[in-house]
Each structure stands twice: as structure tokens, then as C-alpha cells.
């Protein structure tokens, strides 16, 4: 009949936490790849979390130690299977490092 049933994955607490850290109007692609979710899904969830109009991610507005901690938690969530990034993005994270990939473009963080 050509009918298909779409399956939807419920958002888990780790995904919501990462959305709170990294979502902004300019980082939709990054968050989508990091969470392994579609851009429309990320945008809808951002609106429901009241993040829709954010200009920069909270993670980019913290000190270096806090940013490192956020990156480490993100890495743990991926290792635990709580986050499922796209395969291509996971390879980028592994080859370039979480802090480098997740930091603000052009910004280097040092202690």
C-alpha cells in the first residue's frame, strides 16, 4: 500500500544536556551530527527547551576547565551509548579530539 510507519526515538537526558551545552542558531549542524538526529528534530527540540533563539552555545561561554569537563562528559555519553553521533562525525571527534571539534570556530582554549 506504500504506507510506512515512522519510528521516533525519545530524547534521553544526555541528549537534552548536550543540547543545553551546544545548541545555538549557528550550531544546528554540529548538534545534529553530535546527536545523530535530523536538523528539523534538533530545531523542534530546541524550541521546546526554549533554546531556539540562542545566539551562542553555553559551552562556549565558560572557562577552559568547565569546557574540558563538558567535552569529557560528552565523550563519556558517547562511550556509554547515550549519544549516537553520525559515523562521520564520530570519526572527526576521534581523530581531532573533542575539545578541538566542539570549541568555537577559530578559538583555541588554553589554561
N, C-alpha and C. Protein backbone atom coordinates (compact mmCIF):
# COMPACT_ATOMS: atom_id res chain seq x y z
N UNK A 1 0.81 -1.19 0.00
CA UNK A 1 0.00 0.00 0.00
C UNK A 1 0.85 1.26 0.00
N UNK A 2 2.14 1.13 0.26
CA UNK A 2 3.01 2.29 0.26
C UNK A 2 3.00 3.08 1.56
N UNK A 3 2.35 2.54 2.55
CA UNK A 3 2.30 3.22 3.84
C UNK A 3 3.49 2.78 4.69
N UNK A 4 4.10 3.73 5.31
CA UNK A 4 5.20 3.39 6.21
C UNK A 4 4.95 4.04 7.56
N UNK A 5 5.45 3.42 8.56
CA UNK A 5 5.32 3.97 9.90
C UNK A 5 6.69 4.51 10.31
N UNK A 6 6.73 5.79 10.65
CA UNK A 6 7.98 6.38 11.09
C UNK A 6 8.20 6.02 12.55
N UNK A 7 9.45 5.73 12.86
CA UNK A 7 9.76 5.47 14.26
C UNK A 7 10.48 6.69 14.82
N UNK A 8 10.13 7.05 16.01
CA UNK A 8 10.73 8.20 16.66
C UNK A 8 11.45 7.74 17.91
N UNK A 9 12.63 8.24 18.07
CA UNK A 9 13.44 7.93 19.23
C UNK A 9 13.18 9.00 20.29
N UNK A 10 12.84 8.58 21.48
CA UNK A 10 12.60 9.53 22.56
C UNK A 10 13.93 10.17 22.96
N UNK A 11 13.89 11.45 23.28
CA UNK A 11 15.08 12.17 23.71
C UNK A 11 15.46 11.72 25.11
N UNK A 12 16.73 11.37 25.31
CA UNK A 12 17.18 10.98 26.64
C UNK A 12 17.83 12.18 27.35
N UNK A 13 18.08 12.02 28.63
CA UNK A 13 18.61 13.11 29.44
C UNK A 13 19.98 13.60 28.95
N UNK A 14 20.82 12.68 28.49
CA UNK A 14 22.15 13.07 27.98
C UNK A 14 22.00 13.95 26.75
N UNK A 15 21.08 13.61 25.85
CA UNK A 15 20.87 14.42 24.65
C UNK A 15 20.37 15.82 25.01
N UNK A 16 19.49 15.90 25.99
CA UNK A 16 18.98 17.19 26.43
C UNK A 16 20.09 18.02 27.06
N UNK A 17 20.94 17.38 27.84
CA UNK A 17 22.06 18.08 28.45
C UNK A 17 23.01 18.62 27.38
N UNK A 18 23.32 17.82 26.39
CA UNK A 18 24.20 18.26 25.30
C UNK A 18 23.55 19.38 24.50
N UNK A 19 22.24 19.30 24.29
CA UNK A 19 21.52 20.40 23.63
C UNK A 19 21.71 21.69 24.43
N UNK A 20 21.57 21.62 25.73
CA UNK A 20 21.74 22.80 26.58
C UNK A 20 23.16 23.35 26.49
N UNK A 21 24.14 22.50 26.32
CA UNK A 21 25.53 22.95 26.23
C UNK A 21 25.87 23.55 24.88
N UNK A 22 25.47 22.87 23.80
CA UNK A 22 26.00 23.18 22.47
C UNK A 22 25.03 23.81 21.47
N UNK A 23 23.75 23.90 21.77
CA UNK A 23 22.81 24.41 20.78
C UNK A 23 22.86 25.94 20.68
N UNK A 24 22.80 26.41 19.46
CA UNK A 24 22.55 27.83 19.15
C UNK A 24 22.04 27.88 17.72
N UNK A 25 21.62 29.05 17.30
CA UNK A 25 21.12 29.19 15.94
C UNK A 25 22.20 28.94 14.89
N UNK A 26 23.46 28.99 15.29
CA UNK A 26 24.56 28.76 14.34
C UNK A 26 25.20 27.37 14.46
N UNK A 27 24.74 26.57 15.41
CA UNK A 27 25.37 25.25 15.62
C UNK A 27 24.41 24.08 15.39
N UNK A 28 23.38 24.31 14.63
CA UNK A 28 22.39 23.26 14.40
C UNK A 28 23.03 22.04 13.74
N UNK A 29 23.89 22.24 12.74
CA UNK A 29 24.56 21.12 12.07
C UNK A 29 25.45 20.35 13.05
N UNK A 30 26.20 21.07 13.87
CA UNK A 30 27.08 20.43 14.84
C UNK A 30 26.26 19.57 15.80
N UNK A 31 25.19 20.12 16.34
CA UNK A 31 24.36 19.39 17.31
C UNK A 31 23.67 18.21 16.63
N UNK A 32 23.19 18.41 15.43
CA UNK A 32 22.54 17.34 14.68
C UNK A 32 23.49 16.17 14.48
N UNK A 33 24.72 16.46 14.06
CA UNK A 33 25.72 15.41 13.87
C UNK A 33 26.15 14.77 15.18
N UNK A 34 26.29 15.57 16.22
CA UNK A 34 26.71 15.07 17.52
C UNK A 34 25.67 14.13 18.12
N UNK A 35 24.40 14.45 17.93
CA UNK A 35 23.33 13.63 18.49
C UNK A 35 22.83 12.56 17.53
N UNK A 36 23.25 12.63 16.27
CA UNK A 36 22.76 11.66 15.29
C UNK A 36 21.27 11.83 15.03
N UNK A 37 20.82 13.08 15.03
CA UNK A 37 19.41 13.40 14.81
C UNK A 37 19.30 14.37 13.65
N UNK A 38 18.12 14.43 13.06
CA UNK A 38 17.91 15.33 11.93
C UNK A 38 17.90 16.79 12.40
N UNK A 39 18.22 17.68 11.49
CA UNK A 39 18.18 19.11 11.82
C UNK A 39 16.78 19.56 12.24
N UNK A 40 15.72 19.13 11.53
CA UNK A 40 14.38 19.52 11.99
C UNK A 40 14.07 19.03 13.41
N UNK A 41 14.49 17.82 13.73
CA UNK A 41 14.26 17.29 15.07
C UNK A 41 14.99 18.12 16.12
N UNK A 42 16.22 18.49 15.82
CA UNK A 42 17.01 19.32 16.74
C UNK A 42 16.34 20.68 16.93
N UNK A 43 15.89 21.29 15.83
CA UNK A 43 15.24 22.60 15.91
C UNK A 43 13.97 22.54 16.75
N UNK A 44 13.15 21.52 16.53
CA UNK A 44 11.90 21.38 17.29
C UNK A 44 12.20 21.19 18.77
N UNK A 45 13.17 20.36 19.08
CA UNK A 45 13.51 20.14 20.48
C UNK A 45 14.10 21.40 21.11
N UNK A 46 14.86 22.15 20.35
CA UNK A 46 15.43 23.41 20.86
C UNK A 46 14.32 24.38 21.24
N UNK A 47 13.29 24.45 20.42
CA UNK A 47 12.16 25.33 20.74
C UNK A 47 11.47 24.85 22.02
N UNK A 48 11.27 23.55 22.14
CA UNK A 48 10.60 23.03 23.34
C UNK A 48 11.43 23.24 24.60
N UNK A 49 12.76 23.34 24.45
CA UNK A 49 13.66 23.60 25.59
C UNK A 49 13.95 25.10 25.76
N UNK A 50 13.27 25.93 24.97
CA UNK A 50 13.49 27.39 25.00
C UNK A 50 14.92 27.79 24.63
N UNK A 51 15.51 27.07 23.69
CA UNK A 51 16.86 27.36 23.21
C UNK A 51 16.85 27.95 21.81
N UNK A 52 15.68 28.02 21.21
CA UNK A 52 15.55 28.37 19.80
C UNK A 52 16.19 29.67 19.36
N UNK A 53 16.26 30.67 20.23
CA UNK A 53 16.79 31.98 19.83
C UNK A 53 18.20 32.23 20.35
N UNK A 54 18.81 31.23 20.91
CA UNK A 54 20.15 31.40 21.47
C UNK A 54 21.16 31.66 20.35
N UNK A 55 22.01 32.66 20.54
CA UNK A 55 22.98 33.05 19.51
C UNK A 55 24.30 32.28 19.62
N UNK A 56 24.71 31.93 20.83
CA UNK A 56 25.94 31.13 21.01
C UNK A 56 25.68 30.05 22.05
N UNK A 57 26.33 28.92 21.90
CA UNK A 57 26.16 27.85 22.87
C UNK A 57 26.71 28.22 24.25
N UNK A 58 26.04 27.74 25.28
CA UNK A 58 26.53 27.97 26.64
C UNK A 58 27.94 27.45 26.83
N UNK A 59 28.26 26.34 26.19
CA UNK A 59 29.59 25.72 26.35
C UNK A 59 30.71 26.63 25.88
N UNK A 60 30.40 27.58 25.02
CA UNK A 60 31.42 28.49 24.51
C UNK A 60 31.60 29.72 25.40
N UNK A 61 30.78 29.82 26.43
CA UNK A 61 30.82 30.98 27.33
C UNK A 61 31.32 30.63 28.73
N UNK A 62 32.02 29.52 28.84
CA UNK A 62 32.53 29.08 30.14
C UNK A 62 34.06 29.07 30.13
N UNK A 63 34.65 28.93 31.31
CA UNK A 63 36.11 28.88 31.39
C UNK A 63 36.63 27.56 30.82
N UNK A 64 37.92 27.50 30.61
CA UNK A 64 38.56 26.33 29.97
C UNK A 64 38.34 25.03 30.73
N UNK A 65 38.43 25.08 32.05
CA UNK A 65 38.25 23.86 32.83
C UNK A 65 36.82 23.33 32.71
N UNK A 66 35.86 24.23 32.75
CA UNK A 66 34.46 23.82 32.61
C UNK A 66 34.21 23.27 31.21
N UNK A 67 34.79 23.91 30.19
CA UNK A 67 34.63 23.41 28.83
C UNK A 67 35.23 22.01 28.68
N UNK A 68 36.40 21.80 29.25
CA UNK A 68 37.02 20.46 29.21
C UNK A 68 36.11 19.43 29.87
N UNK A 69 35.51 19.81 30.99
CA UNK A 69 34.60 18.91 31.70
C UNK A 69 33.38 18.57 30.84
N UNK A 70 32.83 19.56 30.15
CA UNK A 70 31.70 19.33 29.25
C UNK A 70 32.10 18.38 28.13
N UNK A 71 33.27 18.59 27.55
CA UNK A 71 33.75 17.71 26.47
C UNK A 71 33.96 16.29 26.98
N UNK A 72 34.49 16.16 28.17
CA UNK A 72 34.72 14.84 28.76
C UNK A 72 33.39 14.13 29.01
N UNK A 73 32.40 14.86 29.54
CA UNK A 73 31.08 14.26 29.75
C UNK A 73 30.46 13.83 28.43
N UNK A 74 30.63 14.63 27.39
CA UNK A 74 30.11 14.29 26.06
C UNK A 74 30.77 13.00 25.56
N UNK A 75 32.07 12.91 25.75
CA UNK A 75 32.81 11.70 25.34
C UNK A 75 32.30 10.47 26.11
N UNK A 76 32.06 10.62 27.39
CA UNK A 76 31.54 9.51 28.21
C UNK A 76 30.15 9.10 27.74
N UNK A 77 29.29 10.08 27.46
CA UNK A 77 27.94 9.77 26.97
C UNK A 77 27.99 8.98 25.67
N UNK A 78 28.93 9.33 24.79
CA UNK A 78 29.07 8.58 23.54
C UNK A 78 29.57 7.17 23.83
N UNK A 79 30.57 7.07 24.70
CA UNK A 79 31.10 5.75 25.06
C UNK A 79 30.07 4.85 25.72
N UNK A 80 29.16 5.46 26.47
CA UNK A 80 28.10 4.70 27.16
C UNK A 80 26.89 4.43 26.26
N UNK A 81 26.90 4.97 25.04
CA UNK A 81 25.79 4.77 24.12
C UNK A 81 24.61 5.68 24.37
N UNK A 82 24.77 6.69 25.21
CA UNK A 82 23.68 7.63 25.49
C UNK A 82 23.54 8.66 24.38
N UNK A 83 24.63 8.89 23.65
CA UNK A 83 24.63 9.72 22.46
C UNK A 83 25.11 8.86 21.31
N UNK A 84 24.48 9.03 20.15
CA UNK A 84 24.86 8.24 18.98
C UNK A 84 25.11 9.19 17.81
N UNK A 85 26.32 9.78 17.76
CA UNK A 85 26.61 10.72 16.66
C UNK A 85 26.65 9.99 15.32
N UNK A 86 26.58 10.79 14.25
CA UNK A 86 26.73 10.18 12.92
C UNK A 86 28.12 9.56 12.86
N UNK A 87 28.26 8.55 12.05
CA UNK A 87 29.54 7.84 11.94
C UNK A 87 30.65 8.78 11.50
N UNK A 88 30.36 9.63 10.51
CA UNK A 88 31.37 10.56 10.01
C UNK A 88 31.80 11.54 11.11
N UNK A 89 30.85 12.04 11.88
CA UNK A 89 31.18 12.99 12.93
C UNK A 89 31.96 12.31 14.06
N UNK A 90 31.61 11.09 14.37
CA UNK A 90 32.35 10.33 15.39
C UNK A 90 33.81 10.19 14.98
N UNK A 91 34.06 9.91 13.71
CA UNK A 91 35.44 9.79 13.23
C UNK A 91 36.19 11.11 13.37
N UNK A 92 35.51 12.22 13.11
CA UNK A 92 36.13 13.54 13.27
C UNK A 92 36.46 13.79 14.74
N UNK A 93 35.53 13.46 15.63
CA UNK A 93 35.78 13.63 17.07
C UNK A 93 36.99 12.81 17.52
N UNK A 94 37.06 11.58 17.04
CA UNK A 94 38.15 10.69 17.45
C UNK A 94 39.49 11.13 16.87
N UNK A 95 39.49 11.61 15.65
CA UNK A 95 40.76 11.97 15.02
C UNK A 95 41.27 13.36 15.42
N UNK A 96 40.36 14.28 15.70
CA UNK A 96 40.77 15.66 16.00
C UNK A 96 40.64 16.02 17.48
N UNK A 97 39.92 15.23 18.23
CA UNK A 97 39.73 15.49 19.66
C UNK A 97 38.46 16.28 19.94
N UNK A 98 37.82 15.93 21.02
CA UNK A 98 36.53 16.53 21.38
C UNK A 98 36.64 18.04 21.60
N UNK A 99 37.64 18.46 22.35
CA UNK A 99 37.77 19.89 22.66
C UNK A 99 37.96 20.73 21.40
N UNK A 100 38.75 20.24 20.50
CA UNK A 100 39.02 20.99 19.26
C UNK A 100 37.78 21.06 18.38
N UNK A 101 37.09 19.95 18.23
CA UNK A 101 35.92 19.89 17.35
C UNK A 101 34.74 20.67 17.94
N UNK A 102 34.56 20.60 19.24
CA UNK A 102 33.39 21.21 19.87
C UNK A 102 33.59 22.65 20.29
N UNK A 103 34.79 23.18 20.14
CA UNK A 103 35.03 24.56 20.55
C UNK A 103 34.57 25.53 19.46
N UNK A 104 34.46 26.77 19.84
CA UNK A 104 34.05 27.81 18.92
C UNK A 104 35.04 27.88 17.76
N UNK A 105 34.56 27.96 16.52
CA UNK A 105 35.49 28.04 15.38
C UNK A 105 36.48 29.18 15.54
N UNK A 106 37.74 28.84 15.31
CA UNK A 106 38.79 29.85 15.41
C UNK A 106 39.27 30.12 16.82
N UNK A 107 38.68 29.44 17.79
CA UNK A 107 39.06 29.70 19.18
C UNK A 107 39.93 28.56 19.69
N UNK A 108 41.02 28.89 20.33
CA UNK A 108 41.83 27.87 21.00
C UNK A 108 41.72 28.11 22.48
N UNK A 109 41.52 27.04 23.20
CA UNK A 109 41.35 27.15 24.66
C UNK A 109 42.64 26.70 25.32
N UNK A 110 43.13 27.51 26.19
CA UNK A 110 44.32 27.14 26.97
C UNK A 110 44.11 27.54 28.40
N UNK A 111 44.85 26.91 29.28
CA UNK A 111 44.69 27.19 30.72
C UNK A 111 45.32 28.47 31.10
